[in-house]
Structure formats: C-alpha cells, structure tokens
C-alpha cells in the first residue's frame, strides 16, 4: 500500500513552487507515494498540468488570508 502525501498551496497557477509541484507530479510514477495536491485559492496552468499527469488536484476557492 502506498503512503499518501498531501501538498497544500495557496494556488496552482504559475511560479517557482508551482513549477516544483509540476515536476513532482511528472515523476510520481517512480515514487512510492500517492501524491495529492490542494490549492486553497485557485488553480490554473500548474493545476492543469498536474491533473494531466494523473494526480488528484482539489481547488478550494477560498481566500488564504487570515482576517
């Protein structure tokens, strides 16, 4: 049974962290982990790429700020 890893980010559109998440999802077939991705605010290019790699992506659509 694979262990699960949950990646939680503010958004999954573009940028350095988002690029890193795309790289992780592209290599997930060699991983012993089940990779899952959650964007608190929004998706975008990275979310699309990650989804196309077969990984689970959830977009919550809420503001990541603390009132």
Protein backbone atom coordinates (compact mmCIF):
# COMPACT_ATOMS: atom_id res chain seq x y z
CA UNK A 1 0.00 0.00 0.00
CA UNK A 2 1.33 3.43 -0.96
CA UNK A 3 1.69 6.18 1.60
CA UNK A 4 -0.11 9.41 0.74
CA UNK A 5 1.49 12.85 0.56
CA UNK A 6 -0.76 15.92 0.57
CA UNK A 7 0.74 19.09 -0.96
CA UNK A 8 -1.18 22.21 0.16
CA UNK A 9 -0.52 25.51 -1.65
CA UNK A 10 -2.13 28.92 -1.91
CA UNK A 11 -2.71 28.49 -5.64
CA UNK A 12 -1.66 26.26 -8.53
CA UNK A 13 -1.24 28.70 -11.42
CA UNK A 14 2.38 29.73 -12.15
CA UNK A 15 5.59 30.39 -10.22
CA UNK A 16 8.52 28.61 -8.63
CA UNK A 17 6.64 26.46 -6.14
CA UNK A 18 4.03 25.60 -8.73
CA UNK A 19 6.76 24.51 -11.16
CA UNK A 20 8.24 22.31 -8.45
CA UNK A 21 4.83 20.68 -7.89
CA UNK A 22 4.53 20.01 -11.64
CA UNK A 23 7.95 18.34 -11.58
CA UNK A 24 6.96 16.22 -8.59
CA UNK A 25 3.72 15.11 -10.25
CA UNK A 26 5.51 14.26 -13.51
CA UNK A 27 7.86 11.91 -11.64
CA UNK A 28 5.21 10.36 -9.43
CA UNK A 29 5.21 7.09 -11.41
CA UNK A 30 8.62 6.28 -9.87
CA UNK A 31 7.52 7.31 -6.40
CA UNK A 32 6.28 5.02 -3.71
CA UNK A 33 3.89 7.79 -2.59
CA UNK A 34 0.37 8.68 -3.66
CA UNK A 35 0.71 12.42 -4.43
CA UNK A 36 -2.33 14.68 -3.88
CA UNK A 37 -2.46 18.43 -4.41
CA UNK A 38 -4.75 21.06 -2.85
CA UNK A 39 -4.91 24.73 -3.85
CA UNK A 40 -6.56 26.92 -1.22
CA UNK A 41 -7.42 29.83 -3.53
CA UNK A 42 -7.26 28.97 -7.24
CA UNK A 43 -5.96 26.70 -9.94
CA UNK A 44 -4.51 27.47 -13.35
CA UNK A 45 -1.69 26.23 -15.57
CA UNK A 46 0.04 24.13 -12.92
CA UNK A 47 -3.24 22.56 -11.79
CA UNK A 48 -3.99 21.57 -15.39
CA UNK A 49 -0.53 20.04 -15.89
CA UNK A 50 -0.70 18.16 -12.59
CA UNK A 51 -4.17 16.82 -13.39
CA UNK A 52 -2.96 15.68 -16.82
CA UNK A 53 -0.19 13.71 -15.09
CA UNK A 54 -2.90 11.69 -13.33
CA UNK A 55 -2.56 13.21 -9.86
CA UNK A 56 -5.51 14.32 -7.76
CA UNK A 57 -5.99 18.12 -7.65
CA UNK A 58 -8.57 19.87 -5.47
CA UNK A 59 -9.28 23.61 -5.73
CA UNK A 60 -10.99 25.00 -2.61
CA UNK A 61 -11.68 28.50 -3.97
CA UNK A 62 -11.34 30.37 -0.66
CA UNK A 63 -9.14 33.29 0.37
CA UNK A 64 -5.90 32.14 2.03
CA UNK A 65 -5.64 35.33 4.12
CA UNK A 66 -6.16 35.48 7.87
CA UNK A 67 -8.78 38.11 8.81
